[in-house]
PDB file of N, CA and C in Angstrom:
ATOM      1  N   MET A   1      52.184  20.154  -2.342  1.00  0.00           N
ATOM      2  CA  MET A   1      51.286  21.148  -1.774  1.00  0.00           C
ATOM      3  C   MET A   1      51.802  21.585  -0.406  1.00  0.00           C
ATOM      4  N   SER A   2      51.944  22.858  -0.190  1.00  0.00           N
ATOM      5  CA  SER A   2      52.409  23.357   1.099  1.00  0.00           C
ATOM      6  C   SER A   2      51.382  24.303   1.695  1.00  0.00           C
ATOM      7  N   GLY A   3      51.298  24.324   3.015  1.00  0.00           N
ATOM      8  CA  GLY A   3      50.382  25.240   3.694  1.00  0.00           C
ATOM      9  C   GLY A   3      48.936  24.868   3.458  1.00  0.00           C
ATOM     10  N   THR A   4      48.093  25.881   3.201  1.00  0.00           N
ATOM     11  CA  THR A   4      46.662  25.648   3.022  1.00  0.00           C
ATOM     12  C   THR A   4      46.233  25.770   1.574  1.00  0.00           C
ATOM     13  N   GLN A   5      47.180  25.725   0.666  1.00  0.00           N
ATOM     14  CA  GLN A   5      46.811  25.827  -0.749  1.00  0.00           C
ATOM     15  C   GLN A   5      45.916  24.660  -1.139  1.00  0.00           C
ATOM     16  N   GLY A   6      44.829  24.964  -1.828  1.00  0.00           N
ATOM     17  CA  GLY A   6      43.922  23.943  -2.294  1.00  0.00           C
ATOM     18  C   GLY A   6      42.953  23.424  -1.247  1.00  0.00           C
ATOM     19  N   LYS A   7      42.973  23.951  -0.057  1.00  0.00           N
ATOM     20  CA  LYS A   7      42.051  23.500   0.991  1.00  0.00           C
ATOM     21  C   LYS A   7      40.958  24.540   1.187  1.00  0.00           C
ATOM     22  N   ALA A   8      39.774  24.059   1.500  1.00  0.00           N
ATOM     23  CA  ALA A   8      38.638  24.956   1.703  1.00  0.00           C
ATOM     24  C   ALA A   8      38.539  25.421   3.153  1.00  0.00           C
ATOM     25  N   TYR A   9      39.507  25.048   3.953  1.00  0.00           N
ATOM     26  CA  TYR A   9      39.473  25.415   5.370  1.00  0.00           C
ATOM     27  C   TYR A   9      40.874  25.751   5.850  1.00  0.00           C
ATOM     28  N   LYS A  10      40.944  26.321   7.048  1.00  0.00           N
ATOM     29  CA  LYS A  10      42.229  26.504   7.709  1.00  0.00           C
ATOM     30  C   LYS A  10      42.024  26.356   9.205  1.00  0.00           C
ATOM     31  N   LEU A  11      43.038  25.882   9.887  1.00  0.00           N
ATOM     32  CA  LEU A  11      42.984  25.693  11.331  1.00  0.00           C
ATOM     33  C   LEU A  11      43.699  26.844  12.010  1.00  0.00           C
ATOM     34  N   ILE A  12      43.071  27.423  13.018  1.00  0.00           N
ATOM     35  CA  ILE A  12      43.608  28.590  13.713  1.00  0.00           C
ATOM     36  C   ILE A  12      43.774  28.241  15.182  1.00  0.00           C
ATOM     37  N   SER A  13      44.974  28.365  15.692  1.00  0.00           N
ATOM     38  CA  SER A  13      45.229  28.091  17.097  1.00  0.00           C
ATOM     39  C   SER A  13      44.605  29.198  17.937  1.00  0.00           C
ATOM     40  N   GLU A  14      43.730  28.814  18.878  1.00  0.00           N
ATOM     41  CA  GLU A  14      42.998  29.807  19.661  1.00  0.00           C
ATOM     42  C   GLU A  14      42.510  29.160  20.948  1.00  0.00           C
ATOM     43  N   GLU A  15      42.396  29.938  22.021  1.00  0.00           N
ATOM     44  CA  GLU A  15      41.864  29.452  23.287  1.00  0.00           C
ATOM     45  C   GLU A  15      40.351  29.256  23.162  1.00  0.00           C
ATOM     46  N   LEU A  16      39.837  28.261  23.865  1.00  0.00           N
ATOM     47  CA  LEU A  16      38.407  27.993  23.886  1.00  0.00           C
ATOM     48  C   LEU A  16      37.720  29.024  24.781  1.00  0.00           C
ATOM     49  N   PRO A  17      36.741  29.790  24.259  1.00  0.00           N
ATOM     50  CA  PRO A  17      36.033  30.772  25.089  1.00  0.00           C
ATOM     51  C   PRO A  17      35.235  30.079  26.193  1.00  0.00           C
ATOM     52  N   ALA A  18      35.025  30.774  27.287  1.00  0.00           N
ATOM     53  CA  ALA A  18      34.234  30.238  28.401  1.00  0.00           C
ATOM     54  C   ALA A  18      32.795  30.033  27.949  1.00  0.00           C
ATOM     55  N   PHE A  19      32.170  28.974  28.449  1.00  0.00           N
ATOM     56  CA  PHE A  19      30.787  28.662  28.106  1.00  0.00           C
ATOM     57  C   PHE A  19      29.851  29.576  28.886  1.00  0.00           C
ATOM     58  N   GLU A  20      28.953  30.239  28.186  1.00  0.00           N
ATOM     59  CA  GLU A  20      27.984  31.123  28.826  1.00  0.00           C
ATOM     60  C   GLU A  20      26.638  30.435  28.863  1.00  0.00           C
ATOM     61  N   ARG A  21      26.166  30.135  30.052  1.00  0.00           N
ATOM     62  CA  ARG A  21      24.878  29.467  30.205  1.00  0.00           C
ATOM     63  C   ARG A  21      23.740  30.475  30.079  1.00  0.00           C
ATOM     64  N   ARG A  22      22.703  30.037  29.404  1.00  0.00           N
ATOM     65  CA  ARG A  22      21.499  30.865  29.328  1.00  0.00           C
ATOM     66  C   ARG A  22      20.752  30.761  30.642  1.00  0.00           C
ATOM     67  N   ALA A  23      19.900  31.681  30.900  1.00  0.00           N
ATOM     68  CA  ALA A  23      19.181  31.741  32.168  1.00  0.00           C
ATOM     69  C   ALA A  23      18.029  30.733  32.243  1.00  0.00           C
ATOM     70  N   GLY A  24      17.921  29.840  31.270  1.00  0.00           N
ATOM     71  CA  GLY A  24      16.840  28.868  31.288  1.00  0.00           C
ATOM     72  C   GLY A  24      15.524  29.452  30.824  1.00  0.00           C
ATOM     73  N   ILE A  25      15.599  30.512  30.060  1.00  0.00           N
ATOM     74  CA  ILE A  25      14.396  31.169  29.560  1.00  0.00           C
ATOM     75  C   ILE A  25      14.254  30.856  28.072  1.00  0.00           C
ATOM     76  N   SER A  26      13.063  30.482  27.677  1.00  0.00           N
ATOM     77  CA  SER A  26      12.777  30.136  26.292  1.00  0.00           C
ATOM     78  C   SER A  26      11.991  31.259  25.630  1.00  0.00           C
ATOM     79  N   GLU A  27      12.068  31.299  24.311  1.00  0.00           N
ATOM     80  CA  GLU A  27      11.284  32.300  23.586  1.00  0.00           C
ATOM     81  C   GLU A  27       9.787  32.041  23.725  1.00  0.00           C
ATOM     82  N   TYR A  28       9.413  30.836  24.169  1.00  0.00           N
ATOM     83  CA  TYR A  28       8.004  30.489  24.323  1.00  0.00           C
ATOM     84  C   TYR A  28       7.461  30.786  25.716  1.00  0.00           C
ATOM     85  N   ASP A  29       8.318  31.143  26.658  1.00  0.00           N
ATOM     86  CA  ASP A  29       7.869  31.402  28.019  1.00  0.00           C
ATOM     87  C   ASP A  29       6.903  32.584  28.093  1.00  0.00           C
ATOM     88  N   GLY A  30       7.140  33.614  27.319  1.00  0.00           N
ATOM     89  CA  GLY A  30       6.240  34.766  27.313  1.00  0.00           C
ATOM     90  C   GLY A  30       4.851  34.376  26.851  1.00  0.00           C
ATOM     91  N   LEU A  31       4.793  33.562  25.807  1.00  0.00           N
ATOM     92  CA  LEU A  31       3.522  33.082  25.269  1.00  0.00           C
ATOM     93  C   LEU A  31       2.790  32.238  26.321  1.00  0.00           C
ATOM     94  N   LEU A  32       3.512  31.324  26.960  1.00  0.00           N
ATOM     95  CA  LEU A  32       2.901  30.473  27.986  1.00  0.00           C
ATOM     96  C   LEU A  32       2.474  31.281  29.207  1.00  0.00           C
ATOM     97  N   ASN A  33       3.295  32.243  29.623  1.00  0.00           N
ATOM     98  CA  ASN A  33       2.937  33.103  30.761  1.00  0.00           C
ATOM     99  C   ASN A  33       1.652  33.871  30.484  1.00  0.00           C
ATOM    100  N   GLU A  34       1.545  34.403  29.277  1.00  0.00           N
ATOM    101  CA  GLU A  34       0.350  35.170  28.906  1.00  0.00           C
ATOM    102  C   GLU A  34      -0.896  34.288  28.968  1.00  0.00           C
ATOM    103  N   PHE A  35      -0.776  33.044  28.491  1.00  0.00           N
ATOM    104  CA  PHE A  35      -1.925  32.138  28.534  1.00  0.00           C
ATOM    105  C   PHE A  35      -2.294  31.791  29.973  1.00  0.00           C
ATOM    106  N   VAL A  36      -1.309  31.457  30.795  1.00  0.00           N
ATOM    107  CA  VAL A  36      -1.567  31.059  32.188  1.00  0.00           C
ATOM    108  C   VAL A  36      -2.211  32.206  32.968  1.00  0.00           C
ATOM    109  N   LYS A  37      -1.776  33.433  32.730  1.00  0.00           N
ATOM    110  CA  LYS A  37      -2.326  34.596  33.444  1.00  0.00           C
ATOM    111  C   LYS A  37      -3.685  35.028  32.910  1.00  0.00           C
ATOM    112  N   GLY A  38      -3.981  34.650  31.668  1.00  0.00           N
ATOM    113  CA  GLY A  38      -5.241  35.051  31.044  1.00  0.00           C
ATOM    114  C   GLY A  38      -6.419  34.255  31.564  1.00  0.00           C
ATOM    115  N   LYS A  39      -7.593  34.568  31.036  1.00  0.00           N
ATOM    116  CA  LYS A  39      -8.823  33.930  31.509  1.00  0.00           C
ATOM    117  C   LYS A  39      -9.367  32.899  30.537  1.00  0.00           C
ATOM    118  N   ALA A  40      -8.899  32.875  29.303  1.00  0.00           N
ATOM    119  CA  ALA A  40      -9.423  31.948  28.302  1.00  0.00           C
ATOM    120  C   ALA A  40      -9.070  30.512  28.665  1.00  0.00           C
ATOM    121  N   ALA A  41     -10.028  29.603  28.462  1.00  0.00           N
ATOM    122  CA  ALA A  41      -9.799  28.191  28.754  1.00  0.00           C
ATOM    123  C   ALA A  41      -8.998  27.529  27.637  1.00  0.00           C
ATOM    124  N   THR A  42      -9.181  27.995  26.416  1.00  0.00           N
ATOM    125  CA  THR A  42      -8.475  27.446  25.256  1.00  0.00           C
ATOM    126  C   THR A  42      -8.137  28.575  24.306  1.00  0.00           C
ATOM    127  N   VAL A  43      -6.929  28.524  23.754  1.00  0.00           N
ATOM    128  CA  VAL A  43      -6.518  29.514  22.753  1.00  0.00           C
ATOM    129  C   VAL A  43      -5.825  28.796  21.599  1.00  0.00           C
ATOM    130  N   ARG A  44      -5.914  29.392  20.415  1.00  0.00           N
ATOM    131  CA  ARG A  44      -5.165  28.899  19.260  1.00  0.00           C
ATOM    132  C   ARG A  44      -3.893  29.717  19.170  1.00  0.00           C
ATOM    133  N   VAL A  45      -2.767  29.058  18.941  1.00  0.00           N
ATOM    134  CA  VAL A  45      -1.470  29.731  18.861  1.00  0.00           C
ATOM    135  C   VAL A  45      -1.128  29.975  17.395  1.00  0.00           C
ATOM    136  N   ASP A  46      -0.955  31.229  17.040  1.00  0.00           N
ATOM    137  CA  ASP A  46      -0.548  31.601  15.678  1.00  0.00           C
ATOM    138  C   ASP A  46       0.884  32.105  15.755  1.00  0.00           C
ATOM    139  N   TYR A  47       1.830  31.305  15.255  1.00  0.00           N
ATOM    140  CA  TYR A  47       3.255  31.635  15.317  1.00  0.00           C
ATOM    141  C   TYR A  47       3.820  31.397  13.919  1.00  0.00           C
ATOM    142  N   PRO A  48       3.673  32.361  13.018  1.00  0.00           N
ATOM    143  CA  PRO A  48       3.974  32.149  11.602  1.00  0.00           C
ATOM    144  C   PRO A  48       5.431  31.803  11.273  1.00  0.00           C
ATOM    145  N   ASP A  49       6.387  32.132  12.131  1.00  0.00           N
ATOM    146  CA  ASP A  49       7.796  31.881  11.819  1.00  0.00           C
ATOM    147  C   ASP A  49       8.236  30.452  12.121  1.00  0.00           C
ATOM    148  N   LYS A  50       7.378  29.642  12.721  1.00  0.00           N
ATOM    149  CA  LYS A  50       7.745  28.289  13.123  1.00  0.00           C
ATOM    150  C   LYS A  50       6.869  27.259  12.418  1.00  0.00           C
ATOM    151  N   SER A  51       7.458  26.105  12.129  1.00  0.00           N
ATOM    152  CA  SER A  51       6.644  25.024  11.572  1.00  0.00           C
ATOM    153  C   SER A  51       5.739  24.495  12.679  1.00  0.00           C
ATOM    154  N   THR A  52       4.617  23.930  12.298  1.00  0.00           N
ATOM    155  CA  THR A  52       3.640  23.443  13.269  1.00  0.00           C
ATOM    156  C   THR A  52       4.245  22.364  14.166  1.00  0.00           C
ATOM    157  N   LYS A  53       4.985  21.430  13.572  1.00  0.00           N
ATOM    158  CA  LYS A  53       5.565  20.340  14.361  1.00  0.00           C
ATOM    159  C   LYS A  53       6.630  20.851  15.325  1.00  0.00           C
ATOM    160  N   ALA A  54       7.459  21.776  14.879  1.00  0.00           N
ATOM    161  CA  ALA A  54       8.503  22.334  15.752  1.00  0.00           C
ATOM    162  C   ALA A  54       7.876  23.108  16.904  1.00  0.00           C
ATOM    163  N   LEU A  55       6.841  23.886  16.609  1.00  0.00           N
ATOM    164  CA  LEU A  55       6.147  24.658  17.636  1.00  0.00           C
ATOM    165  C   LEU A  55       5.495  23.737  18.661  1.00  0.00           C
ATOM    166  N   MET A  56       4.854  22.693  18.180  1.00  0.00           N
ATOM    167  CA  MET A  56       4.196  21.732  19.075  1.00  0.00           C
ATOM    168  C   MET A  56       5.220  21.094  20.020  1.00  0.00           C
ATOM    169  N   ALA A  57       6.334  20.634  19.478  1.00  0.00           N
ATOM    170  CA  ALA A  57       7.368  19.993  20.287  1.00  0.00           C
ATOM    171  C   ALA A  57       7.957  20.961  21.304  1.00  0.00           C
ATOM    172  N   ALA A  58       8.225  22.188  20.874  1.00  0.00           N
ATOM    173  CA  ALA A  58       8.827  23.178  21.767  1.00  0.00           C
ATOM    174  C   ALA A  58       7.876  23.552  22.904  1.00  0.00           C
ATOM    175  N   LEU A  59       6.609  23.759  22.590  1.00  0.00           N
ATOM    176  CA  LEU A  59       5.638  24.121  23.623  1.00  0.00           C
ATOM    177  C   LEU A  59       5.438  22.980  24.616  1.00  0.00           C
ATOM    178  N   ARG A  60       5.344  21.761  24.120  1.00  0.00           N
ATOM    179  CA  ARG A  60       5.193  20.614  25.024  1.00  0.00           C
ATOM    180  C   ARG A  60       6.401  20.485  25.941  1.00  0.00           C
ATOM    181  N   SER A  61       7.576  20.713  25.392  1.00  0.00           N
ATOM    182  CA  SER A  61       8.801  20.630  26.176  1.00  0.00           C
ATOM    183  C   SER A  61       8.810  21.675  27.294  1.00  0.00           C
ATOM    184  N   ARG A  62       8.448  22.911  26.970  1.00  0.00           N
ATOM    185  CA  ARG A  62       8.436  23.981  27.974  1.00  0.00           C
ATOM    186  C   ARG A  62       7.366  23.744  29.035  1.00  0.00           C
ATOM    187  N   VAL A  63       6.197  23.272  28.613  1.00  0.00           N
ATOM    188  CA  VAL A  63       5.112  22.980  29.565  1.00  0.00           C
ATOM    189  C   VAL A  63       5.568  21.911  30.549  1.00  0.00           C
ATOM    190  N   LYS A  64       6.206  20.862  30.035  1.00  0.00           N
ATOM    191  CA  LYS A  64       6.686  19.778  30.892  1.00  0.00           C
ATOM    192  C   LYS A  64       7.795  20.265  31.824  1.00  0.00           C
ATOM    193  N   LYS A  65       8.762  20.996  31.273  1.00  0.00           N
ATOM    194  CA  LYS A  65       9.895  21.471  32.076  1.00  0.00           C
ATOM    195  C   LYS A  65       9.431  22.401  33.200  1.00  0.00           C
ATOM    196  N   ARG A  66       8.431  23.222  32.924  1.00  0.00           N
ATOM    197  CA  ARG A  66       7.942  24.178  33.911  1.00  0.00           C
ATOM    198  C   ARG A  66       6.803  23.621  34.770  1.00  0.00           C
ATOM    199  N   SER A  67       6.398  22.389  34.513  1.00  0.00           N
ATOM    200  CA  SER A  67       5.311  21.731  35.247  1.00  0.00           C
ATOM    201  C   SER A  67       4.032  22.570  35.259  1.00  0.00           C
ATOM    202  N   LEU A  68       3.687  23.098  34.095  1.00  0.00           N
ATOM    203  CA  LEU A  68       2.477  23.907  33.971  1.00  0.00           C
ATOM    204  C   LEU A  68       1.258  23.015  33.799  1.00  0.00           C
ATOM    205  N   LYS A  69       0.117  23.477  34.237  1.00  0.00           N
ATOM    206  CA  LYS A  69      -1.133  22.738  34.053  1.00  0.00           C
ATOM    207  C   LYS A  69      -1.773  23.184  32.748  1.00  0.00           C
ATOM    208  N   VAL A  70      -1.061  22.897  31.664  1.00  0.00           N
ATOM    209  CA  VAL A  70      -1.476  23.300  30.319  1.00  0.00           C
ATOM    210  C   VAL A  70      -1.297  22.102  29.403  1.00  0.00           C
ATOM    211  N   LYS A  71      -2.237  21.909  28.501  1.00  0.00           N
ATOM    212  CA  LYS A  71      -2.112  20.867  27.486  1.00  0.00           C
ATOM    213  C   LYS A  71      -1.919  21.537  26.133  1.00  0.00           C
ATOM    214  N   VAL A  72      -1.087  20.917  25.307  1.00  0.00           N
ATOM    215  CA  VAL A  72      -0.840  21.403  23.958  1.00  0.00           C
ATOM    216  C   VAL A  72      -1.458  20.386  23.009  1.00  0.00           C
ATOM    217  N   ALA A  73      -2.309  20.853  22.099  1.00  0.00           N
ATOM    218  CA  ALA A  73      -2.995  19.950  21.172  1.00  0.00           C
ATOM    219  C   ALA A  73      -2.913  20.496  19.755  1.00  0.00           C
ATOM    220  N   MET A  74      -2.957  19.572  18.779  1.00  0.00           N
ATOM    221  CA  MET A  74      -3.005  19.970  17.385  1.00  0.00           C
ATOM    222  C   MET A  74      -4.295  19.431  16.779  1.00  0.00           C
ATOM    223  N   ARG A  75      -5.036  20.307  16.151  1.00  0.00           N
ATOM    224  CA  ARG A  75      -6.268  19.931  15.453  1.00  0.00           C
ATOM    225  C   ARG A  75      -6.265  20.606  14.085  1.00  0.00           C
ATOM    226  N   LYS A  76      -6.414  19.803  13.055  1.00  0.00           N
ATOM    227  CA  LYS A  76      -6.463  20.299  11.670  1.00  0.00           C
ATOM    228  C   LYS A  76      -5.283  21.213  11.357  1.00  0.00           C
ATOM    229  N   GLY A  77      -4.089  20.825  11.839  1.00  0.00           N
ATOM    230  CA  GLY A  77      -2.876  21.571  11.533  1.00  0.00           C
ATOM    231  C   GLY A  77      -2.689  22.851  12.330  1.00  0.00           C
ATOM    232  N   LYS A  78      -3.493  23.059  13.359  1.00  0.00           N
ATOM    233  CA  LYS A  78      -3.381  24.256  14.186  1.00  0.00           C
ATOM    234  C   LYS A  78      -3.076  23.851  15.622  1.00  0.00           C
ATOM    235  N   ILE A  79      -2.291  24.687  16.313  1.00  0.00           N
ATOM    236  CA  ILE A  79      -1.875  24.410  17.683  1.00  0.00           C
ATOM    237  C   ILE A  79      -2.782  25.136  18.666  1.00  0.00           C
ATOM    238  N   TYR A  80      -3.195  24.414  19.694  1.00  0.00           N
ATOM    239  CA  TYR A  80      -4.060  24.972  20.737  1.00  0.00           C
ATOM    240  C   TYR A  80      -3.446  24.745  22.111  1.00  0.00           C
ATOM    241  N   LEU A  81      -3.646  25.709  23.005  1.00  0.00           N
ATOM    242  CA  LEU A  81      -3.306  25.554  24.413  1.00  0.00           C
ATOM    243  C   LEU A  81      -4.619  25.496  25.166  1.00  0.00           C
ATOM    244  N   THR A  82      -4.701  24.580  26.107  1.00  0.00           N
ATOM    245  CA  THR A  82      -5.896  24.466  26.915  1.00  0.00           C
ATOM    246  C   THR A  82      -5.491  24.198  28.361  1.00  0.00           C
ATOM    247  N   ARG A  83      -6.305  24.639  29.264  1.00  0.00           N
ATOM    248  CA  ARG A  83      -6.003  24.438  30.688  1.00  0.00           C
ATOM    249  C   ARG A  83      -6.257  22.980  31.048  1.00  0.00           C
ATOM    250  N   ALA A  84      -5.331  22.396  31.786  1.00  0.00           N
ATOM    251  CA  ALA A  84      -5.449  20.972  32.162  1.00  0.00           C
ATOM    252  C   ALA A  84      -6.225  20.826  33.454  1.00  0.00           C
TER     253      ALA A  84
END
């Protein structure tokens, strides 16, 4: 066997591109900002494209990272934000 015959891959010599850092903004920041600026004490979050567990983990992570006075809770399979 010579070359890449029979292989499902090939190796290409190439320079490593520079790493581009994100600005530290999450797709959930807009949702959290809207809640913090609003007047409601508690809201239910409806985010159909995300699983409940993934959404819960992501929101808790952003709340903690941003040191927001917000609690994230799950009741009967639904996610709620409430002011702490």
